[in-house]
Protein backbone atom coordinates (compact mmCIF):
# COMPACT_ATOMS: atom_id res chain seq x y z
CA MET A 1 45.58 -54.43 34.60
CA GLU A 2 48.52 -52.33 33.51
CA PHE A 3 47.44 -52.80 29.91
CA LEU A 4 44.04 -51.56 30.59
CA LEU A 5 45.49 -48.57 32.39
CA THR A 6 47.79 -47.78 29.56
CA MET A 7 44.69 -47.96 27.07
CA CYS A 8 42.74 -45.68 29.22
CA LEU A 9 45.52 -43.08 29.37
CA VAL A 10 46.12 -43.51 25.57
CA SER A 11 42.29 -42.90 24.94
CA LEU A 12 42.29 -39.83 27.27
CA PHE A 13 45.26 -38.40 25.52
CA TYR A 14 43.85 -39.12 22.26
CA GLY A 15 40.70 -37.40 23.25
CA PHE A 16 42.48 -34.48 24.54
CA CYS A 17 44.31 -34.22 21.22
CA CYS A 18 41.18 -34.23 19.38
CA LEU A 19 39.55 -31.47 21.48
CA LEU A 20 42.79 -29.35 21.03
CA LYS A 21 42.71 -29.83 17.44
CA SER A 22 39.15 -28.90 17.13
CA PHE A 23 39.76 -25.71 19.35
CA LEU A 24 42.77 -24.70 17.29
CA GLN A 25 40.69 -25.24 14.05
CA ARG A 26 37.86 -23.07 15.35
CA ARG A 27 40.26 -20.39 16.13
CA HIS A 28 40.77 -19.72 12.54
CA GLN A 29 36.89 -20.22 11.58
CA SER A 30 35.78 -17.05 13.37
CA CYS A 31 34.30 -14.42 11.19
CA TYR A 32 34.74 -10.77 12.29
CA LEU A 33 33.41 -7.69 10.76
CA LEU A 34 36.08 -4.90 10.76
CA ALA A 35 34.25 -2.22 8.97
CA TYR A 36 31.47 -1.52 6.61
CA GLU A 37 30.49 1.51 4.18
CA CYS A 38 27.10 2.29 2.80
CA TYR A 39 26.60 4.22 -0.39
CA LYS A 40 25.13 7.81 -0.10
CA PRO A 41 23.71 8.92 -3.50
CA THR A 42 24.39 12.47 -4.68
CA GLU A 43 21.80 15.23 -4.83
CA ASP A 44 21.25 14.85 -8.57
CA MET A 45 20.01 11.26 -8.05
CA LYS A 46 17.20 12.08 -5.70
CA LEU A 47 13.81 10.86 -6.63
CA ARG A 48 11.42 13.20 -4.94
CA THR A 49 7.66 13.08 -5.32
CA ASP A 50 7.44 15.48 -8.29
CA SER A 51 10.21 13.42 -10.08
CA CYS A 52 8.37 10.20 -9.26
CA ALA A 53 5.22 11.40 -10.74
CA LYS A 54 6.83 12.67 -13.84
CA ILE A 55 8.41 9.24 -14.49
CA VAL A 56 4.91 7.80 -14.07
CA MET A 57 3.54 10.30 -16.57
CA ARG A 58 6.09 8.99 -19.19
CA ASN A 59 4.69 5.60 -19.16
CA LYS A 60 2.05 5.68 -21.91
CA ASN A 61 0.85 2.16 -21.17
CA LEU A 62 -1.03 3.08 -18.00
CA GLY A 63 -4.78 3.32 -18.01
CA LEU A 64 -6.98 4.80 -15.22
CA GLU A 65 -7.00 1.62 -13.26
CA GLU A 66 -3.27 1.17 -13.41
CA PHE A 67 -2.70 4.71 -12.45
CA ARG A 68 -4.91 4.59 -9.31
CA PHE A 69 -3.08 1.32 -8.26
CA LEU A 70 0.31 2.83 -8.71
CA LEU A 71 -0.62 5.98 -6.84
CA LYS A 72 -2.08 4.03 -4.06
CA THR A 73 0.99 1.81 -3.80
CA ILE A 74 3.34 4.80 -3.69
CA VAL A 75 1.30 6.50 -1.12
CA ASN A 76 1.41 3.55 1.11
CA SER A 77 4.97 2.59 0.43
CA GLY A 78 6.61 4.16 3.45
CA ILE A 79 9.23 5.90 1.47
CA GLY A 80 10.11 9.55 1.88
CA GLU A 81 11.48 12.39 -0.23
CA GLU A 82 15.23 11.61 0.01
CA THR A 83 15.46 8.14 -1.93
CA SER A 84 17.38 8.00 -5.04
CA CYS A 85 17.45 6.16 -8.42
CA PRO A 86 19.93 5.97 -11.51
CA ARG A 87 20.38 8.90 -13.54
CA ASN A 88 19.20 7.18 -16.83
CA ILE A 89 15.77 6.83 -15.16
CA LEU A 90 15.61 10.42 -14.03
CA GLN A 91 16.74 11.62 -17.48
CA GLY A 92 13.96 9.74 -19.29
CA ARG A 93 15.92 6.79 -20.76
CA GLU A 94 14.39 3.87 -18.66
CA GLU A 95 12.79 2.21 -21.62
CA LYS A 96 15.96 1.92 -23.62
CA PRO A 97 18.80 1.53 -20.98
CA ASN A 98 22.20 0.71 -22.52
CA LEU A 99 25.25 -1.21 -21.10
CA ALA A 100 27.03 1.97 -20.32
CA ASP A 101 24.22 3.06 -18.03
CA SER A 102 24.36 -0.22 -16.22
CA LEU A 103 28.16 -0.25 -15.77
CA SER A 104 28.09 3.44 -14.68
CA GLU A 105 25.69 2.70 -11.94
CA MET A 106 27.48 -0.16 -10.64
CA ASP A 107 31.00 1.55 -10.79
CA GLU A 108 29.73 4.59 -8.84
CA ILE A 109 28.13 2.57 -5.97
CA ILE A 110 30.88 -0.14 -5.84
CA PHE A 111 34.02 2.14 -6.20
CA ASN A 112 32.55 4.83 -3.89
CA THR A 113 31.83 2.40 -1.06
CA LEU A 114 35.30 0.54 -1.47
CA ASP A 115 37.31 3.77 -1.66
CA ASN A 116 35.72 4.76 1.66
CA LEU A 117 36.11 1.41 3.20
CA PHE A 118 39.81 1.41 2.61
CA THR A 119 40.11 5.01 3.72
CA ARG A 120 38.16 3.96 6.82
CA TYR A 121 40.37 1.00 7.57
CA PRO A 122 43.91 1.97 6.10
CA SER A 123 45.71 -0.93 7.80
CA VAL A 124 44.24 -3.30 5.21
CA SER A 125 45.04 -2.51 1.61
CA PRO A 126 43.42 -3.91 -1.58
CA SER A 127 46.48 -6.05 -2.23
CA GLN A 128 45.96 -7.84 1.04
CA ILE A 129 42.40 -9.03 0.16
CA ASP A 130 42.25 -12.76 0.05
CA ILE A 131 38.48 -13.36 -0.88
CA LEU A 132 36.14 -11.08 -2.89
CA VAL A 133 32.34 -11.72 -3.00
CA VAL A 134 30.12 -9.56 -5.01
CA ASN A 135 26.23 -9.87 -5.04
CA VAL A 136 24.12 -8.16 -7.67
CA SER A 137 21.07 -10.14 -8.50
CA MET A 138 19.90 -8.62 -11.77
CA PHE A 139 23.07 -7.67 -13.64
CA SER A 140 26.05 -9.98 -14.55
CA PRO A 141 28.28 -8.58 -17.10
CA SER A 142 31.45 -10.08 -18.64
CA PRO A 143 34.14 -9.53 -17.40
CA SER A 144 32.47 -10.01 -14.08
CA LEU A 145 32.01 -7.21 -11.58
CA THR A 146 34.64 -8.93 -9.41
CA SER A 147 37.05 -8.62 -12.18
CA ARG A 148 36.27 -4.88 -12.58
CA ILE A 149 37.10 -4.51 -8.84
CA VAL A 150 40.39 -6.53 -9.19
CA ASN A 151 41.36 -4.55 -12.15
CA ARG A 152 40.47 -1.23 -10.53
CA TYR A 153 42.49 -1.80 -7.19
CA LYS A 154 45.13 -4.04 -8.88
CA MET A 155 44.58 -6.87 -6.48
CA ARG A 156 46.90 -9.92 -6.61
CA GLU A 157 46.60 -12.90 -8.83
CA ASN A 158 45.73 -15.60 -6.30
CA ILE A 159 42.57 -13.77 -4.87
CA LYS A 160 39.51 -16.00 -4.65
CA THR A 161 36.59 -14.16 -6.40
CA PHE A 162 32.76 -15.04 -6.37
CA ASN A 163 29.87 -13.48 -8.15
CA LEU A 164 26.38 -14.14 -6.74
CA SER A 165 23.43 -13.33 -8.95
CA GLY A 166 19.75 -13.96 -8.61
CA MET A 167 19.75 -14.33 -4.90
CA GLY A 168 17.50 -11.31 -4.06
CA CYS A 169 17.12 -9.05 -1.06
CA SER A 170 18.80 -11.41 1.32
CA ALA A 171 21.81 -11.88 -0.87
CA SER A 172 24.30 -10.00 1.39
CA LEU A 173 23.59 -12.62 4.15
CA VAL A 174 24.30 -15.42 1.57
CA ALA A 175 27.67 -13.69 0.70
CA VAL A 176 28.40 -13.49 4.36
CA ASP A 177 27.84 -17.31 4.59
CA VAL A 178 30.14 -17.83 1.69
CA VAL A 179 32.91 -15.82 3.39
CA GLN A 180 32.26 -17.82 6.58
CA GLY A 181 32.61 -21.14 4.79
CA LEU A 182 35.84 -19.97 3.03
CA PHE A 183 37.30 -18.85 6.28
CA LYS A 184 37.20 -22.46 7.45
CA SER A 185 39.76 -23.46 4.82
CA TYR A 186 41.84 -20.17 4.44
CA LYS A 187 43.54 -19.06 7.69
CA ASP A 188 44.53 -15.52 8.46
CA SER A 189 42.48 -14.13 5.67
CA TYR A 190 40.76 -10.80 4.70
CA ALA A 191 37.43 -10.80 2.70
CA LEU A 192 35.55 -8.30 0.96
CA VAL A 193 31.81 -8.39 0.45
CA VAL A 194 30.06 -5.89 -1.96
CA SER A 195 26.37 -5.88 -1.90
CA THR A 196 24.13 -3.80 -4.28
CA GLU A 197 21.53 -4.16 -6.89
CA SER A 198 21.32 -2.94 -10.50
CA MET A 199 18.38 -0.75 -11.28
CA ALA A 200 19.38 1.17 -14.54
CA PRO A 201 18.47 -1.66 -16.90
CA ASN A 202 15.55 -3.07 -14.81
CA TRP A 203 12.87 -0.37 -14.47
CA TYR A 204 9.56 -1.83 -15.47
CA CYS A 205 7.74 0.08 -18.18
CA GLY A 206 4.56 -2.11 -18.51
CA LYS A 207 1.23 -2.11 -16.82
CA GLU A 208 1.02 -5.25 -15.05
CA LYS A 209 0.09 -4.58 -11.34
CA SER A 210 2.11 -7.46 -9.90
CA MET A 211 5.23 -6.11 -11.70
CA MET A 212 4.63 -2.39 -10.86
CA LEU A 213 5.54 -2.80 -7.26
CA THR A 214 9.15 -3.03 -7.70
CA ASN A 215 9.22 0.58 -9.23
CA CYS A 216 7.59 1.92 -6.05
CA LEU A 217 10.04 0.36 -3.65
CA PHE A 218 13.40 -0.32 -5.01
CA ARG A 219 16.05 2.57 -4.85
CA SER A 220 19.83 2.99 -5.38
CA GLY A 221 21.93 1.82 -2.72
CA GLY A 222 24.93 -0.50 -1.77
CA CYS A 223 27.37 -1.35 0.85
CA SER A 224 30.89 -2.86 1.06
CA MET A 225 32.07 -4.84 4.07
CA LEU A 226 35.51 -5.98 5.35
CA PHE A 227 35.80 -9.25 7.10
CA THR A 228 38.57 -11.35 8.68
CA ASN A 229 39.21 -14.46 10.64
CA ARG A 230 42.41 -13.26 12.23
CA ARG A 231 41.94 -13.47 15.99
CA TYR A 232 44.42 -10.79 16.68
CA HIS A 233 42.02 -8.41 14.87
CA ARG A 234 39.34 -9.18 17.34
CA HIS A 235 39.82 -6.06 19.45
CA GLN A 236 39.62 -4.04 16.24
CA ALA A 237 36.47 -5.61 14.92
CA ILE A 238 32.91 -4.27 15.56
CA LEU A 239 30.90 -7.47 14.99
CA LYS A 240 31.44 -11.15 15.28
CA LEU A 241 29.22 -13.64 13.52
CA LYS A 242 27.41 -15.97 16.09
CA THR A 243 24.80 -17.86 13.91
CA LEU A 244 23.70 -17.95 10.32
CA VAL A 245 20.85 -20.06 9.18
CA ARG A 246 19.68 -20.27 5.51
CA THR A 247 16.37 -21.75 4.35
CA HIS A 248 15.57 -22.49 0.78
CA ILE A 249 12.28 -23.75 -0.39
CA GLY A 250 12.59 -23.56 -4.12
CA SER A 251 11.59 -27.14 -4.57
CA SER A 252 8.13 -25.87 -4.34
CA ASP A 253 6.91 -24.58 -7.67
CA ASP A 254 4.60 -22.01 -6.02
CA ALA A 255 7.38 -20.71 -3.94
CA TYR A 256 9.83 -20.57 -6.80
CA ASN A 257 7.44 -18.53 -9.13
CA CYS A 258 6.16 -16.15 -6.30
CA CYS A 259 9.02 -13.71 -6.93
CA ILE A 260 10.45 -14.00 -10.30
CA GLN A 261 12.02 -12.11 -13.27
CA LEU A 262 10.22 -12.42 -16.55
CA GLU A 263 8.51 -10.50 -19.38
CA ASP A 264 4.90 -9.50 -19.37
CA ASP A 265 2.34 -10.21 -22.14
CA SER A 266 3.57 -7.13 -23.94
CA GLY A 267 7.11 -8.00 -23.85
CA TYR A 268 8.23 -5.59 -21.17
CA PRO A 269 10.78 -7.15 -18.66
CA GLY A 270 10.25 -6.85 -14.96
CA PHE A 271 9.97 -8.66 -11.66
CA ARG A 272 6.69 -10.41 -10.73
CA LEU A 273 5.31 -10.74 -7.13
CA THR A 274 2.48 -13.21 -6.84
CA LYS A 275 -0.12 -13.68 -4.01
CA TYR A 276 1.70 -16.88 -2.88
CA LEU A 277 4.57 -14.67 -1.69
CA THR A 278 3.08 -14.32 1.78
CA LYS A 279 2.55 -18.10 2.06
CA ALA A 280 6.17 -18.82 1.03
CA ALA A 281 7.41 -16.19 3.42
CA VAL A 282 5.43 -17.93 6.38
CA LEU A 283 6.74 -21.27 5.39
CA ALA A 284 10.45 -20.28 4.94
CA PHE A 285 10.32 -18.14 8.09
CA THR A 286 8.89 -20.86 10.14
CA MET A 287 11.42 -23.43 9.00
CA ASN A 288 14.12 -20.98 9.55
CA LEU A 289 13.09 -20.14 13.15
CA GLN A 290 12.93 -23.75 14.02
CA VAL A 291 16.67 -24.07 13.49
CA LEU A 292 17.54 -20.57 14.71
CA VAL A 293 15.63 -20.39 17.93
CA PRO A 294 17.49 -23.16 19.75
CA LYS A 295 20.74 -21.54 19.00
CA VAL A 296 19.94 -18.09 20.22
CA LEU A 297 17.37 -18.49 23.04
CA PRO A 298 17.75 -19.84 26.58
CA LEU A 299 16.23 -23.16 27.33
CA ARG A 300 13.71 -21.80 29.71
CA GLU A 301 12.24 -19.59 26.95
CA ILE A 302 12.05 -22.43 24.54
CA PHE A 303 10.33 -24.79 26.92
CA ARG A 304 7.81 -21.85 27.76
CA TYR A 305 7.15 -21.34 24.07
CA VAL A 306 6.70 -25.12 23.19
CA LEU A 307 4.22 -25.42 26.12
CA GLU A 308 2.13 -22.38 25.01
CA SER A 309 2.19 -23.48 21.32
CA LYS A 310 0.67 -26.88 22.26
CA LEU A 311 -2.01 -25.19 24.27
CA GLN A 312 -2.76 -22.71 21.30
CA LYS A 313 -3.07 -25.69 18.94
CA LYS A 314 -5.91 -27.12 21.06
CA ARG A 315 -7.75 -23.92 21.08
CA GLY A 316 -7.70 -22.88 17.41
CA THR A 317 -6.60 -23.38 14.00
CA LYS A 318 -3.13 -22.51 12.53
CA SER A 319 -2.81 -19.08 10.95
CA GLN A 320 -1.17 -18.57 7.52
CA LYS A 321 -0.31 -14.90 8.25
CA LEU A 322 3.33 -13.95 8.63
CA GLU A 323 2.63 -12.16 12.02
CA ALA A 324 1.40 -15.47 13.40
CA VAL A 325 4.50 -17.46 12.78
CA GLY A 326 6.41 -16.69 16.02
CA ALA A 327 3.34 -15.55 18.11
CA GLY A 328 4.25 -15.89 21.78
CA LEU A 329 8.02 -16.30 20.99
CA ASN A 330 10.15 -13.90 23.11
CA MET A 331 13.13 -13.32 20.79
CA LYS A 332 14.25 -10.59 23.24
CA ALA A 333 15.31 -13.34 25.59
CA GLY A 334 18.39 -13.85 23.30
CA ILE A 335 18.41 -10.89 20.98
CA GLU A 336 18.78 -7.14 21.84
CA HIS A 337 18.51 -5.62 18.40
CA PHE A 338 16.50 -6.32 15.24
CA CYS A 339 17.68 -5.52 11.84
CA ILE A 340 14.75 -6.48 9.47
CA HIS A 341 15.24 -6.04 5.91
CA PRO A 342 13.64 -2.72 4.85
CA GLY A 343 11.94 -4.23 1.89
CA GLY A 344 8.58 -2.47 2.43
CA ARG A 345 6.26 -1.51 5.09
CA ALA A 346 4.30 -4.82 4.94
CA ILE A 347 7.50 -6.89 5.43
CA ILE A 348 8.53 -4.91 8.52
CA ASP A 349 5.04 -4.96 10.06
CA GLY A 350 4.62 -8.71 9.22
CA ILE A 351 8.03 -9.73 11.03
CA GLY A 352 7.57 -7.19 13.72
CA LYS A 353 4.18 -8.83 14.66
CA SER A 354 5.50 -12.30 14.17
CA LEU A 355 8.35 -11.57 16.68
CA GLU A 356 6.24 -9.31 18.88
CA LEU A 357 8.53 -6.39 18.43
CA ASP A 358 7.69 -2.89 19.44
CA GLU A 359 8.14 0.41 17.51
CA TYR A 360 11.62 0.92 19.12
CA ASP A 361 12.80 -2.36 17.61
CA LEU A 362 11.29 -1.64 14.21
CA GLU A 363 12.51 1.97 14.08
CA PRO A 364 15.89 1.28 12.24
CA SER A 365 14.22 -0.65 9.54
CA ARG A 366 11.38 1.93 9.09
CA MET A 367 13.84 4.69 9.02
CA ALA A 368 16.17 3.04 6.48
CA LEU A 369 13.03 2.42 4.25
CA PHE A 370 11.87 6.05 4.60
CA ARG A 371 15.27 7.60 4.06
CA PHE A 372 16.81 5.30 1.47
CA GLY A 373 14.06 3.04 0.15
CA ASN A 374 14.32 -0.66 -0.56
CA THR A 375 18.06 -1.01 -1.56
CA SER A 376 17.62 -4.72 -1.93
CA ALA A 377 20.48 -6.71 -0.35
CA ALA A 378 22.12 -3.59 1.06
CA GLY A 379 19.21 -2.66 3.04
CA PHE A 380 20.33 -4.47 6.26
CA TRP A 381 23.41 -2.31 6.54
CA TYR A 382 21.53 0.87 6.30
CA ALA A 383 19.29 -0.25 9.20
CA LEU A 384 22.50 -1.32 11.15
CA GLY A 385 23.96 2.06 10.35
CA TYR A 386 21.09 3.71 11.93
CA MET A 387 21.51 1.64 15.13
CA GLU A 388 25.03 2.59 15.27
CA ALA A 389 24.53 6.25 14.54
CA LYS A 390 21.92 6.31 17.35
CA LYS A 391 24.48 4.73 19.72
CA ARG A 392 22.33 1.81 20.46
CA LEU A 393 25.00 -0.89 20.01
CA LYS A 394 26.80 -1.81 23.13
CA LYS A 395 29.43 -4.30 23.80
CA GLY A 396 27.99 -7.87 24.15
CA ASP A 397 24.63 -6.96 22.47
CA ARG A 398 23.29 -9.39 19.82
CA ILE A 399 21.79 -8.34 16.58
CA LEU A 400 19.39 -10.41 14.35
CA MET A 401 19.40 -9.71 10.67
CA SER A 402 16.29 -11.15 9.02
CA GLY A 403 15.00 -11.20 5.38
CA PHE A 404 13.66 -12.94 2.31
CA GLY A 405 14.92 -13.49 -1.15
CA ALA A 406 13.90 -14.79 -4.62
CA GLY A 407 14.02 -18.59 -4.98
CA PHE A 408 12.39 -18.54 -2.38
CA LYS A 409 14.61 -18.36 0.56
CA CYS A 410 14.80 -16.87 4.22
CA ASN A 411 18.09 -16.04 5.65
CA ASN A 412 18.70 -15.09 9.35
CA ILE A 413 22.06 -14.16 10.88
CA VAL A 414 22.99 -13.25 14.49
CA TRP A 415 25.97 -10.80 15.36
CA GLU A 416 27.68 -10.15 18.61
CA VAL A 417 28.73 -6.59 19.15
CA LEU A 418 32.38 -6.57 20.27
CA ARG A 419 32.63 -2.97 21.41
CA ASP A 420 30.42 0.05 21.91
CA LEU A 421 29.61 1.64 18.50
CA ASP A 422 28.80 5.26 17.79
CA ASP A 423 29.82 6.18 14.29
CA ALA A 424 27.37 8.23 12.36
CA ASN A 425 28.39 6.67 8.95
CA VAL A 426 26.03 7.19 6.13
CA TRP A 427 23.44 8.92 8.59
CA LYS A 428 25.94 11.58 9.25
CA ASN A 429 24.36 15.14 9.26
CA CYS A 430 20.78 13.86 9.26
CA ILE A 431 20.60 11.38 12.27
CA ASP A 432 19.55 14.06 14.74
CA SER A 433 16.32 14.58 12.66
CA TYR A 434 15.33 10.80 12.90
CA PRO A 435 12.78 9.69 13.68
CA PRO A 436 10.76 12.70 13.02
CA HIS A 437 7.85 13.34 15.32
CA ASN A 438 5.46 12.97 12.68
CA ILE A 439 6.54 10.91 9.56
CA GLY A 440 4.55 12.72 6.99
CA ASN A 441 3.71 11.05 3.59
CA PRO A 442 4.81 13.34 0.80
CA PHE A 443 2.98 11.45 -1.93
CA MET A 444 -0.27 11.69 0.07
CA GLU A 445 0.26 15.30 0.74
CA LYS A 446 0.73 16.12 -2.98
CA PHE A 447 -1.31 13.62 -4.75
CA GLY A 448 -3.84 12.27 -2.11
CA TRP A 449 -6.50 14.41 -3.10
CA ILE A 450 -6.69 13.03 -6.68
CA ASN A 451 -9.98 11.07 -7.21
CA ASP A 452 -11.45 9.10 -10.06
CA ASP A 453 -13.46 11.97 -11.42
CA TYR A 454 -10.21 14.04 -11.78
CA ILE A 455 -8.36 11.32 -13.51
CA SER A 456 -11.15 10.76 -15.95
CA PHE A 457 -11.39 14.37 -16.50
CA VAL A 458 -7.68 14.86 -17.50
CA ARG A 459 -7.74 11.70 -19.50
CA ILE A 460 -4.33 10.57 -18.47
CA ASP A 461 -2.99 14.01 -19.27
CA PHE A 462 -0.94 13.84 -15.95
CA SER A 463 0.97 16.97 -16.81
CA LYS A 464 -1.99 18.93 -15.33
CA LEU A 465 -0.86 17.61 -11.84
CA PHE A 466 1.80 20.26 -12.05
CA ALA A 467 -0.23 23.11 -13.53
């Protein structure tokens, strides 16, 4: 009897020690966002409607059909007059970009955001950074971009550096996942994530419609973020990572090829988007939600959704549209704010309908797209900055960042707001004018009157548009 009692006490003590060990380990596995800084391009980089049209004029490969398609796409893009692009494109050197153009573009975005970040959070110096992750999908020089940062800021020799390429528009969420994983092994650490995209050498100069879309949507932008797993910084942090779910369906050939970088039949490099993109997004988003939903929604909402889904299956067939993926799912039961990647109006509309969001929920992503364009992986942070500048983010709120990337992948991340946020950040001096009462379309206003007869009359002499 005494032996059994002793064994029970030993077992209880062992179990207590295991729980204590697990608790102490988790203390160092938290991921806190201390600060972030988005890039605001200068005035000389603005790509206004007239500039955009002049760039189109320079492409001698466009025929009547391609011009009509491009004009229609730009008109429906959801982009305004304030977006920006690299100087080599504005200066007419998009067909023959050089390495200097590419490096200059990266240096300006990366060093500008990092300088501002260290100024914003002076208690952490570059020499204190333990982990550095840079994601740029379409440009990978040697020495690497992380090496350029280490050299510029004279970071210490044992810093852990990682370069992510080819990850697409949700790459910054992948970078955060890398940091979170490393925090499990490296205690009391600071991490930097730099997220941007290279446009200078990647402007498409051909005439294939499926490859012309990127020119209509992608614009210059970037963001640098400072993270830590030091718990005594919790009161200084603005966000805490709660849940991150990554889904990759690249094993499917159709999904792998639906969003891919290649050369067209004429040898012009670009980025092709195929018709399978929607189906790939539906599949990846559905699989991701199946993992994410149980982690963020209360049980009562999950049970309600499952019951309604079974009833709907009996009534009709399963839709292949993105907006039907989460139909009937009340994500607002566990999420207060939605930060959808501003990759385009169709993406915002699709996810918005899928999660049954209203215009208030979609406003940050729409405004980020309208003001800055599709800034690739940095787009989430412009939308987050909009929420903060509008003073929407209150302590205890939860934010869902959701987006897709080449590969094909879907990444979703949930943050908890740790204190009321009200910094105007990159939206300073303009936030009061958003959202405008009537979001006009500058492309439609200036070029919407053009018809086929006019295009045929000028015979591709687009300079007459400005006569």
